[in-house]
Protein backbone atom coordinates (compact mmCIF):
# COMPACT_ATOMS: atom_id res chain seq x y z
CA MET A 1 0.30 -5.23 5.69
CA THR A 2 -3.11 -4.63 7.83
CA GLY A 3 -5.21 -1.26 7.39
CA GLU A 4 -3.95 -0.34 10.61
CA GLN A 5 -0.42 -0.72 9.68
CA LEU A 6 -0.89 1.25 6.76
CA VAL A 7 -2.89 4.13 8.77
CA LEU A 8 0.68 4.29 10.98
CA LEU A 9 2.82 4.08 8.08
CA ARG A 10 1.21 7.25 6.68
CA GLY A 11 1.10 8.98 9.88
CA LYS A 12 4.69 8.25 10.22
CA LEU A 13 5.38 9.73 6.91
CA GLY A 14 3.47 12.75 7.81
CA LEU A 15 0.93 12.29 4.84
CA THR A 16 -2.82 12.70 4.17
CA GLN A 17 -4.36 9.76 2.21
CA ARG A 18 -4.82 11.62 -0.92
CA GLN A 19 -0.93 12.57 -0.69
CA PHE A 20 0.08 8.74 0.19
CA ALA A 21 -2.30 7.92 -2.72
CA GLU A 22 -0.72 10.39 -5.59
CA ILE A 23 3.16 9.11 -4.31
CA ILE A 24 1.99 5.29 -4.67
CA GLY A 25 -0.08 5.63 -7.97
CA MET A 26 -3.42 4.60 -6.55
CA SER A 27 -6.63 6.22 -5.91
CA GLY A 28 -7.62 7.98 -2.26
CA SER A 29 -10.45 5.85 -2.12
CA ALA A 30 -8.56 2.82 -2.67
CA VAL A 31 -6.18 3.60 0.69
CA ALA A 32 -8.96 4.92 2.50
CA MET A 33 -10.58 1.37 1.84
CA VAL A 34 -7.74 -0.55 2.88
CA GLU A 35 -7.38 1.57 5.98
CA ALA A 36 -10.87 1.01 7.09
CA ASN A 37 -10.38 -2.57 6.35
CA HIS A 38 -13.11 -2.62 4.23
CA ARG A 39 -10.88 -4.23 1.52
CA LYS A 40 -7.68 -6.30 1.73
CA MET A 41 -3.93 -5.22 0.32
CA SER A 42 -3.93 -6.07 -3.20
CA ALA A 43 -0.60 -7.27 -4.26
CA THR A 44 -0.56 -4.29 -6.48
CA MET A 45 -0.63 -1.89 -3.81
CA ARG A 46 1.87 -3.43 -1.73
CA ALA A 47 4.14 -3.24 -4.89
CA LYS A 48 3.70 0.26 -5.45
CA ILE A 49 3.96 1.19 -1.75
CA ALA A 50 7.29 -1.07 -1.80
CA ALA A 51 8.58 0.68 -4.96
CA ASN A 52 7.83 4.45 -4.11
CA ILE A 53 8.02 4.55 -0.10
CA PRO A 54 11.38 4.31 1.28
CA ILE A 55 11.46 1.87 3.96
CA ASN A 56 14.36 2.27 6.23
CA ASP A 57 15.77 0.48 9.64
CA GLU A 58 13.51 2.87 11.51
CA LEU A 59 10.58 1.83 9.95
CA LEU A 60 11.14 -2.13 9.93
CA SER A 61 11.69 -1.83 13.49
CA PHE A 62 8.30 -0.01 14.07
CA PHE A 63 6.27 -2.78 11.92
CA ASP A 64 8.03 -5.43 13.98
CA SER A 65 7.12 -3.96 16.91
CA THR A 66 3.31 -3.73 15.94
CA GLU A 67 3.35 -6.86 14.39
CA LYS A 68 4.47 -8.47 18.04
CA LEU A 69 1.78 -6.57 19.76
CA ASN A 70 -0.77 -7.50 16.94
CA ARG A 71 -0.07 -11.06 17.82
CA ILE A 72 -0.16 -10.63 21.75
CA ASN A 73 -3.47 -8.31 21.63
CA PRO A 74 -4.99 -9.53 18.14
CA VAL A 75 -7.67 -6.65 17.03
């Protein structure tokens, strides 16, 4: 997951960086660093998101569409 996708996920959930970080059990600064593309998402963060954020069909479709757009127009 890219930093941009993390921002979109957090926004879709209506959470601040701090709230999101608390839910996944990581620091707010770690979330901010990934969102700003200053750090790549670690396997640990990815696992914590998967374990603590319910991903439904709507969110999966949303990320599928952003992935397709990124392939067409790389950032």
